[in-house]
């Protein structure tokens, strides 16, 4: 019986000592704070300037084609590239379409990673590429003559995307915009070629 009380006393004493040991709280790890925001903003501004140059350089083309032929090819070409035509008016030559972009997924992923790498060179945060977001394309087909047509194209992309921490930044790497213009123009010209050969094949 004495042994039982001795063991119980030891257990109570050990418990009392343990309760007196100070408990060190777990450190709170704050979210990483951007330590070079001016460099990130400068890169965003540079990308915005490059976007403006790309829009100016790649946003217009003139074809020795009838305007109706070009208009029809533009509508079909956009649809073939995954865009949904939201509005079109043949008389004014206006077309509005929306979609997730014409760039093949593997190419988009590569270009997006290049953009993230550029950000990570000047940022204390880690930026990860984001999947393609919806964008809109506007096309205006202008008749210059019987066989002369000007096409104005403008690709409007989302202005923000997020990194792995949920932080927002202006989007997107300019090389993506350049590749999107190339894909859209190629789709339009391919469709004009197909339509012309289809007309020639008709009896």
C-alpha atoms as a PDB file:
ATOM      1  CA  UNK A   1       0.000   0.000   0.000  1.00  0.00           C
ATOM      2  CA  UNK A   2       2.878   2.324   0.869  1.00  0.00           C
ATOM      3  CA  UNK A   3       4.409   1.552  -2.541  1.00  0.00           C
ATOM      4  CA  UNK A   4       1.193   2.581  -4.258  1.00  0.00           C
ATOM      5  CA  UNK A   5       1.109   5.949  -2.488  1.00  0.00           C
ATOM      6  CA  UNK A   6       4.818   6.458  -3.197  1.00  0.00           C
ATOM      7  CA  UNK A   7       4.258   5.900  -6.949  1.00  0.00           C
ATOM      8  CA  UNK A   8       1.219   8.191  -6.938  1.00  0.00           C
ATOM      9  CA  UNK A   9       3.236  10.923  -5.205  1.00  0.00           C
ATOM     10  CA  UNK A  10       6.008  10.614  -7.813  1.00  0.00           C
ATOM     11  CA  UNK A  11       3.496  10.921 -10.647  1.00  0.00           C
ATOM     12  CA  UNK A  12       1.891  14.015  -9.102  1.00  0.00           C
ATOM     13  CA  UNK A  13       5.300  15.601  -8.510  1.00  0.00           C
ATOM     14  CA  UNK A  14       6.376  14.981 -12.127  1.00  0.00           C
ATOM     15  CA  UNK A  15       3.118  16.471 -13.378  1.00  0.00           C
ATOM     16  CA  UNK A  16       3.633  19.563 -11.218  1.00  0.00           C
ATOM     17  CA  UNK A  17       7.165  20.056 -12.518  1.00  0.00           C
ATOM     18  CA  UNK A  18       6.034  19.682 -16.128  1.00  0.00           C
ATOM     19  CA  UNK A  19       3.373  22.353 -15.663  1.00  0.00           C
ATOM     20  CA  UNK A  20       6.043  24.782 -14.492  1.00  0.00           C
ATOM     21  CA  UNK A  21       8.212  24.406 -17.581  1.00  0.00           C
ATOM     22  CA  UNK A  22       7.692  27.472 -19.804  1.00  0.00           C
ATOM     23  CA  UNK A  23       6.172  26.668 -23.202  1.00  0.00           C
ATOM     24  CA  UNK A  24       7.802  28.409 -26.124  1.00  0.00           C
ATOM     25  CA  UNK A  25       5.116  29.480 -28.617  1.00  0.00           C
ATOM     26  CA  UNK A  26       5.524  28.420 -32.258  1.00  0.00           C
ATOM     27  CA  UNK A  27       6.882  31.266 -34.310  1.00  0.00           C
ATOM     28  CA  UNK A  28       4.431  32.894 -36.716  1.00  0.00           C
ATOM     29  CA  UNK A  29       5.875  33.032 -40.198  1.00  0.00           C
ATOM     30  CA  UNK A  30       4.520  36.130 -41.915  1.00  0.00           C
ATOM     31  CA  UNK A  31       3.808  36.269 -45.621  1.00  0.00           C
ATOM     32  CA  UNK A  32       6.824  37.323 -47.585  1.00  0.00           C
ATOM     33  CA  UNK A  33       6.758  41.032 -48.191  1.00  0.00           C
ATOM     34  CA  UNK A  34       7.906  42.372 -51.527  1.00  0.00           C
ATOM     35  CA  UNK A  35      11.254  44.025 -50.866  1.00  0.00           C
ATOM     36  CA  UNK A  36      11.780  45.374 -54.360  1.00  0.00           C
ATOM     37  CA  UNK A  37       8.333  46.620 -55.479  1.00  0.00           C
ATOM     38  CA  UNK A  38       9.808  49.451 -57.545  1.00  0.00           C
ATOM     39  CA  UNK A  39      11.704  46.953 -59.718  1.00  0.00           C
ATOM     40  CA  UNK A  40       8.568  44.864 -60.257  1.00  0.00           C
ATOM     41  CA  UNK A  41       6.550  47.966 -61.173  1.00  0.00           C
ATOM     42  CA  UNK A  42       9.298  49.062 -63.550  1.00  0.00           C
ATOM     43  CA  UNK A  43       9.154  45.671 -65.293  1.00  0.00           C
ATOM     44  CA  UNK A  44       5.352  45.913 -65.534  1.00  0.00           C
ATOM     45  CA  UNK A  45       5.692  49.374 -67.102  1.00  0.00           C
ATOM     46  CA  UNK A  46       8.229  48.010 -69.577  1.00  0.00           C
ATOM     47  CA  UNK A  47       5.853  45.188 -70.500  1.00  0.00           C
ATOM     48  CA  UNK A  48       3.050  47.717 -71.002  1.00  0.00           C
ATOM     49  CA  UNK A  49       5.219  49.703 -73.409  1.00  0.00           C
ATOM     50  CA  UNK A  50       6.109  46.531 -75.312  1.00  0.00           C
ATOM     51  CA  UNK A  51       2.411  45.626 -75.518  1.00  0.00           C
ATOM     52  CA  UNK A  52       1.670  49.014 -77.073  1.00  0.00           C
ATOM     53  CA  UNK A  53       4.413  48.500 -79.667  1.00  0.00           C
ATOM     54  CA  UNK A  54       3.150  45.001 -80.473  1.00  0.00           C
ATOM     55  CA  UNK A  55      -0.420  46.273 -80.920  1.00  0.00           C
ATOM     56  CA  UNK A  56       0.819  48.970 -83.281  1.00  0.00           C
ATOM     57  CA  UNK A  57       3.168  46.732 -85.258  1.00  0.00           C
ATOM     58  CA  UNK A  58       0.955  43.639 -85.549  1.00  0.00           C
ATOM     59  CA  UNK A  59      -2.553  45.089 -85.328  1.00  0.00           C
ATOM     60  CA  UNK A  60      -3.119  45.917 -89.022  1.00  0.00           C
ATOM     61  CA  UNK A  61      -2.769  44.181 -92.386  1.00  0.00           C
ATOM     62  CA  UNK A  62      -3.956  44.946 -95.925  1.00  0.00           C
ATOM     63  CA  UNK A  63      -5.077  42.238 -98.326  1.00  0.00           C
ATOM     64  CA  UNK A  64      -5.756  42.265-102.041  1.00  0.00           C
ATOM     65  CA  UNK A  65      -9.074  40.571-101.407  1.00  0.00           C
ATOM     66  CA  UNK A  66     -12.737  41.452-101.433  1.00  0.00           C
ATOM     67  CA  UNK A  67     -13.937  42.662 -98.027  1.00  0.00           C
ATOM     68  CA  UNK A  68     -16.733  40.060 -97.851  1.00  0.00           C
ATOM     69  CA  UNK A  69     -14.186  37.281 -98.344  1.00  0.00           C
ATOM     70  CA  UNK A  70     -11.954  38.677 -95.599  1.00  0.00           C
ATOM     71  CA  UNK A  71     -14.869  39.190 -93.207  1.00  0.00           C
ATOM     72  CA  UNK A  72     -16.085  35.607 -93.581  1.00  0.00           C
ATOM     73  CA  UNK A  73     -12.551  34.254 -93.175  1.00  0.00           C
ATOM     74  CA  UNK A  74     -12.054  36.308 -89.999  1.00  0.00           C
ATOM     75  CA  UNK A  75     -15.228  34.918 -88.405  1.00  0.00           C
ATOM     76  CA  UNK A  76     -14.365  31.323 -89.266  1.00  0.00           C
ATOM     77  CA  UNK A  77     -10.701  31.728 -88.344  1.00  0.00           C
ATOM     78  CA  UNK A  78     -11.564  33.024 -84.880  1.00  0.00           C
ATOM     79  CA  UNK A  79     -13.980  30.155 -84.300  1.00  0.00           C
ATOM     80  CA  UNK A  80     -11.333  27.633 -85.366  1.00  0.00           C
ATOM     81  CA  UNK A  81      -8.974  29.136 -82.776  1.00  0.00           C
ATOM     82  CA  UNK A  82     -11.389  28.532 -79.917  1.00  0.00           C
ATOM     83  CA  UNK A  83     -13.000  31.975 -79.829  1.00  0.00           C
ATOM     84  CA  UNK A  84     -16.745  32.479 -79.549  1.00  0.00           C
ATOM     85  CA  UNK A  85     -18.061  35.287 -81.740  1.00  0.00           C
ATOM     86  CA  UNK A  86     -20.192  37.490 -79.495  1.00  0.00           C
ATOM     87  CA  UNK A  87     -21.109  40.176 -81.986  1.00  0.00           C
ATOM     88  CA  UNK A  88     -20.613  40.838 -85.688  1.00  0.00           C
ATOM     89  CA  UNK A  89     -21.932  43.306 -88.192  1.00  0.00           C
ATOM     90  CA  UNK A  90     -20.997  42.752 -91.810  1.00  0.00           C
ATOM     91  CA  UNK A  91     -21.988  46.239 -92.927  1.00  0.00           C
ATOM     92  CA  UNK A  92     -19.543  47.972 -90.568  1.00  0.00           C
ATOM     93  CA  UNK A  93     -17.063  45.110 -90.667  1.00  0.00           C
ATOM     94  CA  UNK A  94     -17.007  44.798 -86.882  1.00  0.00           C
ATOM     95  CA  UNK A  95     -16.384  41.467 -85.098  1.00  0.00           C
ATOM     96  CA  UNK A  96     -16.095  40.828 -81.357  1.00  0.00           C
ATOM     97  CA  UNK A  97     -15.004  37.425 -80.059  1.00  0.00           C
ATOM     98  CA  UNK A  98     -13.960  35.992 -76.698  1.00  0.00           C
ATOM     99  CA  UNK A  99     -11.968  32.916 -75.747  1.00  0.00           C
ATOM    100  CA  UNK A 100      -8.937  31.488 -73.988  1.00  0.00           C
ATOM    101  CA  UNK A 101      -6.449  32.351 -76.687  1.00  0.00           C
ATOM    102  CA  UNK A 102      -5.188  30.594 -79.783  1.00  0.00           C
ATOM    103  CA  UNK A 103      -1.746  29.506 -78.545  1.00  0.00           C
ATOM    104  CA  UNK A 104      -1.261  25.729 -78.126  1.00  0.00           C
ATOM    105  CA  UNK A 105      -1.073  24.805 -74.405  1.00  0.00           C
ATOM    106  CA  UNK A 106       2.550  23.638 -74.495  1.00  0.00           C
ATOM    107  CA  UNK A 107       3.710  26.849 -76.173  1.00  0.00           C
ATOM    108  CA  UNK A 108       1.652  29.005 -73.808  1.00  0.00           C
ATOM    109  CA  UNK A 109       3.105  27.227 -70.754  1.00  0.00           C
ATOM    110  CA  UNK A 110       6.636  27.805 -72.027  1.00  0.00           C
ATOM    111  CA  UNK A 111       6.043  31.508 -72.704  1.00  0.00           C
ATOM    112  CA  UNK A 112       4.250  31.999 -69.378  1.00  0.00           C
ATOM    113  CA  UNK A 113       7.181  30.409 -67.533  1.00  0.00           C
ATOM    114  CA  UNK A 114       9.540  32.806 -69.302  1.00  0.00           C
ATOM    115  CA  UNK A 115       7.425  35.690 -67.983  1.00  0.00           C
ATOM    116  CA  UNK A 116       7.514  34.302 -64.439  1.00  0.00           C
ATOM    117  CA  UNK A 117      11.284  33.877 -64.694  1.00  0.00           C
ATOM    118  CA  UNK A 118      11.667  37.535 -65.690  1.00  0.00           C
ATOM    119  CA  UNK A 119       9.627  38.598 -62.633  1.00  0.00           C
ATOM    120  CA  UNK A 120      11.604  36.355 -60.306  1.00  0.00           C
ATOM    121  CA  UNK A 121      14.835  38.061 -61.362  1.00  0.00           C
ATOM    122  CA  UNK A 122      13.706  41.348 -59.795  1.00  0.00           C
ATOM    123  CA  UNK A 123      11.250  40.178 -57.130  1.00  0.00           C
ATOM    124  CA  UNK A 124      11.683  38.800 -53.628  1.00  0.00           C
ATOM    125  CA  UNK A 125       8.477  36.813 -54.065  1.00  0.00           C
ATOM    126  CA  UNK A 126       8.215  33.678 -56.124  1.00  0.00           C
ATOM    127  CA  UNK A 127       5.903  34.129 -59.099  1.00  0.00           C
ATOM    128  CA  UNK A 128       4.430  31.130 -60.861  1.00  0.00           C
ATOM    129  CA  UNK A 129       2.934  31.101 -64.362  1.00  0.00           C
ATOM    130  CA  UNK A 130      -0.837  31.046 -64.592  1.00  0.00           C
ATOM    131  CA  UNK A 131      -3.000  29.157 -67.043  1.00  0.00           C
ATOM    132  CA  UNK A 132      -4.367  31.111 -69.960  1.00  0.00           C
ATOM    133  CA  UNK A 133      -7.208  33.480 -69.071  1.00  0.00           C
ATOM    134  CA  UNK A 134     -10.083  34.564 -71.261  1.00  0.00           C
ATOM    135  CA  UNK A 135      -9.378  37.455 -73.603  1.00  0.00           C
ATOM    136  CA  UNK A 136     -11.319  39.309 -76.268  1.00  0.00           C
ATOM    137  CA  UNK A 137     -10.465  40.021 -79.885  1.00  0.00           C
ATOM    138  CA  UNK A 138     -11.956  42.833 -81.920  1.00  0.00           C
ATOM    139  CA  UNK A 139     -11.594  42.912 -85.702  1.00  0.00           C
ATOM    140  CA  UNK A 140     -12.655  45.658 -88.067  1.00  0.00           C
ATOM    141  CA  UNK A 141     -12.717  44.880 -91.783  1.00  0.00           C
ATOM    142  CA  UNK A 142     -12.457  48.047 -93.897  1.00  0.00           C
ATOM    143  CA  UNK A 143     -13.150  48.076 -97.636  1.00  0.00           C
ATOM    144  CA  UNK A 144     -10.522  50.160 -99.455  1.00  0.00           C
ATOM    145  CA  UNK A 145     -11.541  49.139-102.986  1.00  0.00           C
ATOM    146  CA  UNK A 146     -13.006  46.313-105.027  1.00  0.00           C
ATOM    147  CA  UNK A 147     -10.051  44.050-104.251  1.00  0.00           C
ATOM    148  CA  UNK A 148      -8.352  45.897-101.404  1.00  0.00           C
ATOM    149  CA  UNK A 149      -9.240  45.410 -97.735  1.00  0.00           C
ATOM    150  CA  UNK A 150      -7.659  46.596 -94.499  1.00  0.00           C
ATOM    151  CA  UNK A 151      -8.061  44.542 -91.312  1.00  0.00           C
ATOM    152  CA  UNK A 152      -7.574  46.048 -87.858  1.00  0.00           C
ATOM    153  CA  UNK A 153      -7.170  43.559 -85.034  1.00  0.00           C
ATOM    154  CA  UNK A 154      -6.892  44.200 -81.313  1.00  0.00           C
ATOM    155  CA  UNK A 155      -6.352  41.543 -78.649  1.00  0.00           C
ATOM    156  CA  UNK A 156      -7.386  42.648 -75.166  1.00  0.00           C
ATOM    157  CA  UNK A 157      -5.975  40.537 -72.344  1.00  0.00           C
ATOM    158  CA  UNK A 158      -6.861  40.424 -68.627  1.00  0.00           C
ATOM    159  CA  UNK A 159      -4.910  42.983 -66.627  1.00  0.00           C
ATOM    160  CA  UNK A 160      -4.272  40.851 -63.543  1.00  0.00           C
ATOM    161  CA  UNK A 161      -3.288  37.360 -62.567  1.00  0.00           C
ATOM    162  CA  UNK A 162      -2.020  35.865 -59.328  1.00  0.00           C
ATOM    163  CA  UNK A 163       1.097  34.261 -57.973  1.00  0.00           C
ATOM    164  CA  UNK A 164       1.210  31.315 -55.581  1.00  0.00           C
ATOM    165  CA  UNK A 165       0.606  33.605 -52.584  1.00  0.00           C
ATOM    166  CA  UNK A 166      -2.552  35.096 -54.069  1.00  0.00           C
ATOM    167  CA  UNK A 167      -0.901  38.420 -54.874  1.00  0.00           C
ATOM    168  CA  UNK A 168      -1.932  40.310 -57.967  1.00  0.00           C
ATOM    169  CA  UNK A 169       0.244  41.770 -60.669  1.00  0.00           C
ATOM    170  CA  UNK A 170      -0.251  43.169 -64.140  1.00  0.00           C
ATOM    171  CA  UNK A 171      -0.299  40.544 -66.824  1.00  0.00           C
ATOM    172  CA  UNK A 172       1.155  39.182 -69.196  1.00  0.00           C
ATOM    173  CA  UNK A 173       4.532  38.495 -70.778  1.00  0.00           C
ATOM    174  CA  UNK A 174       4.609  40.433 -74.092  1.00  0.00           C
ATOM    175  CA  UNK A 175       5.854  37.406 -76.041  1.00  0.00           C
ATOM    176  CA  UNK A 176       2.462  35.804 -75.380  1.00  0.00           C
ATOM    177  CA  UNK A 177       0.643  38.717 -77.026  1.00  0.00           C
ATOM    178  CA  UNK A 178       2.971  38.545 -80.036  1.00  0.00           C
ATOM    179  CA  UNK A 179       2.320  34.809 -80.420  1.00  0.00           C
ATOM    180  CA  UNK A 180      -1.442  35.368 -80.161  1.00  0.00           C
ATOM    181  CA  UNK A 181      -1.394  37.909 -82.985  1.00  0.00           C
ATOM    182  CA  UNK A 182       0.601  35.514 -85.140  1.00  0.00           C
ATOM    183  CA  UNK A 183      -1.869  32.682 -84.492  1.00  0.00           C
ATOM    184  CA  UNK A 184      -4.899  34.860 -85.258  1.00  0.00           C
ATOM    185  CA  UNK A 185      -3.443  36.254 -88.490  1.00  0.00           C
ATOM    186  CA  UNK A 186      -2.393  32.776 -89.609  1.00  0.00           C
ATOM    187  CA  UNK A 187      -5.913  31.459 -88.956  1.00  0.00           C
ATOM    188  CA  UNK A 188      -7.481  34.295 -90.981  1.00  0.00           C
ATOM    189  CA  UNK A 189      -5.101  33.844 -93.921  1.00  0.00           C
ATOM    190  CA  UNK A 190      -5.446  30.063 -93.853  1.00  0.00           C
ATOM    191  CA  UNK A 191      -9.221  30.405 -94.026  1.00  0.00           C
ATOM    192  CA  UNK A 192      -9.008  32.860 -96.950  1.00  0.00           C
ATOM    193  CA  UNK A 193      -6.809  30.362 -98.784  1.00  0.00           C
ATOM    194  CA  UNK A 194      -9.261  27.524 -98.111  1.00  0.00           C
ATOM    195  CA  UNK A 195     -12.273  29.605 -99.162  1.00  0.00           C
ATOM    196  CA  UNK A 196     -10.606  30.681-102.419  1.00  0.00           C
ATOM    197  CA  UNK A 197      -9.682  27.110-103.343  1.00  0.00           C
ATOM    198  CA  UNK A 198     -13.167  25.927-102.468  1.00  0.00           C
ATOM    199  CA  UNK A 199     -14.636  28.535-104.834  1.00  0.00           C
ATOM    200  CA  UNK A 200     -12.249  27.471-107.585  1.00  0.00           C
ATOM    201  CA  UNK A 201     -13.241  23.833-107.124  1.00  0.00           C
ATOM    202  CA  UNK A 202     -16.910  24.617-107.663  1.00  0.00           C
ATOM    203  CA  UNK A 203     -18.181  23.748-111.187  1.00  0.00           C
END
